[in-house]
Amino acid sequence: MAVHVTWTTFSVLADSHRPPPPHPALDPDAPPALCSQTDPEVFFPEKGASIRPAVAACFACELRTACYEWSLAVTDLDGVWGGSTPRQRIQERARRATRGNDTAAEVAA
């Protein structure tokens, strides 16, 4: 059975095989993403290593909320995206499935 999850700008069937939406940083009108100016290894730390540098970079980035929403739509992501870990994204998807489809901006408000 398909689970329909709706975010601000796109809809995704959780078990569909449609390609994911493009990352917000690919929008030519978007400001530059800080992750594109940071060593990629920061966002993919070794097991047990700190994720704080990645999270700090994400929270300083203007695209963080859009990136976070994107990361929730793409289910097979490793590393830190939009300031969240894979475990945090799984928890947020589950929370949204039970509580509703609030976006990150609405949850933060």
Protein backbone atom coordinates (compact mmCIF):
# COMPACT_ATOMS: atom_id res chain seq x y z
CA MET A 1 0.00 0.00 0.00
CA ALA A 2 1.35 3.42 -0.93
CA VAL A 3 1.81 6.07 1.75
CA HIS A 4 1.13 9.51 0.33
CA VAL A 5 3.24 12.24 1.87
CA THR A 6 2.89 15.87 0.78
CA TRP A 7 5.49 18.58 1.30
CA THR A 8 5.36 22.24 0.44
CA THR A 9 6.39 22.06 -3.21
CA PHE A 10 6.09 18.44 -4.26
CA SER A 11 4.37 15.14 -3.57
CA VAL A 12 6.03 11.78 -3.40
CA LEU A 13 4.67 8.28 -3.08
CA ALA A 14 6.98 6.73 -0.51
CA ASP A 15 7.11 3.40 -2.31
CA SER A 16 7.14 4.72 -5.88
CA HIS A 17 10.05 4.44 -8.25
CA ARG A 18 9.80 7.97 -9.58
CA PRO A 19 13.05 9.93 -9.57
CA PRO A 20 13.47 12.27 -6.61
CA PRO A 21 12.89 15.99 -7.05
CA PRO A 22 16.02 18.00 -7.89
CA HIS A 23 18.04 19.30 -4.97
CA PRO A 24 17.21 22.96 -4.17
CA ALA A 25 20.84 24.00 -4.77
CA LEU A 26 20.40 23.12 -8.44
CA ASP A 27 17.91 25.97 -8.86
CA PRO A 28 19.82 28.68 -10.77
CA ASP A 29 18.02 31.37 -8.76
CA ALA A 30 19.00 29.85 -5.40
CA PRO A 31 21.82 31.29 -3.32
CA PRO A 32 24.97 29.15 -3.23
CA ALA A 33 24.71 26.24 -0.82
CA LEU A 34 27.37 26.23 1.89
CA CYS A 35 27.89 22.51 1.44
CA SER A 36 29.22 23.19 -2.05
CA GLN A 37 31.96 25.28 -0.44
CA THR A 38 32.78 22.76 2.31
CA ASP A 39 34.78 19.54 2.28
CA PRO A 40 32.22 16.78 1.47
CA GLU A 41 33.75 14.51 4.10
CA VAL A 42 32.31 16.84 6.74
CA PHE A 43 28.81 15.70 5.74
CA PHE A 44 29.70 12.00 5.70
CA PRO A 45 31.60 11.49 8.97
CA GLU A 46 33.03 8.14 9.98
CA LYS A 47 30.93 6.14 12.43
CA GLY A 48 31.30 7.67 15.88
CA ALA A 49 32.72 10.96 14.56
CA SER A 50 31.01 14.25 15.35
CA ILE A 51 28.32 15.57 13.03
CA ARG A 52 28.53 19.04 14.63
CA PRO A 53 30.60 20.66 11.84
CA ALA A 54 28.10 19.46 9.22
CA VAL A 55 25.08 20.55 11.23
CA ALA A 56 26.68 23.95 11.88
CA ALA A 57 27.30 24.42 8.15
CA CYS A 58 23.71 23.41 7.36
CA PHE A 59 22.19 25.78 9.90
CA ALA A 60 24.28 28.65 8.53
CA CYS A 61 23.04 27.95 4.99
CA GLU A 62 20.13 29.82 3.41
CA LEU A 63 18.98 26.59 1.72
CA ARG A 64 18.77 24.51 4.91
CA THR A 65 14.97 24.29 5.10
CA ALA A 66 14.59 23.49 1.41
CA CYS A 67 17.43 20.95 1.61
CA TYR A 68 15.86 19.37 4.68
CA GLU A 69 12.51 19.00 2.92
CA TRP A 70 14.31 17.53 -0.09
CA SER A 71 16.17 15.06 2.14
CA LEU A 72 12.85 13.83 3.53
CA ALA A 73 11.65 13.07 0.00
CA VAL A 74 14.77 11.08 -0.90
CA THR A 75 14.66 8.02 1.30
CA ASP A 76 18.08 6.43 0.66
CA LEU A 77 20.45 9.18 1.77
CA ASP A 78 23.51 8.74 3.92
CA GLY A 79 25.18 11.62 5.68
CA VAL A 80 23.95 14.95 6.96
CA TRP A 81 21.44 16.78 4.72
CA GLY A 82 19.58 19.90 5.79
CA GLY A 83 21.13 19.55 9.23
CA SER A 84 19.69 16.07 9.85
CA THR A 85 21.06 12.55 10.10
CA PRO A 86 19.49 9.51 8.41
CA ARG A 87 17.98 8.45 11.75
CA GLN A 88 16.46 11.90 12.32
CA ARG A 89 14.95 11.86 8.83
CA ILE A 90 13.38 8.44 9.41
CA GLN A 91 11.90 9.73 12.68
CA GLU A 92 10.57 12.88 11.00
CA ARG A 93 8.96 10.90 8.17
CA ALA A 94 7.24 8.70 10.74
CA ARG A 95 6.13 11.73 12.76
CA ARG A 96 4.68 13.39 9.69
CA ALA A 97 2.91 10.22 8.66
CA THR A 98 1.13 10.08 12.01
CA ARG A 99 0.63 13.81 12.76
CA GLY A 100 0.16 15.32 9.33
CA ASN A 101 2.25 16.84 6.62
CA ASP A 102 3.77 19.92 8.29
CA THR A 103 6.82 21.31 6.58
CA ALA A 104 10.02 22.03 8.50
CA ALA A 105 9.18 25.75 8.48
CA GLU A 106 5.78 25.05 10.05
CA VAL A 107 7.30 22.69 12.64
CA ALA A 108 9.93 25.30 13.61
CA ALA A 109 7.34 28.06 14.02
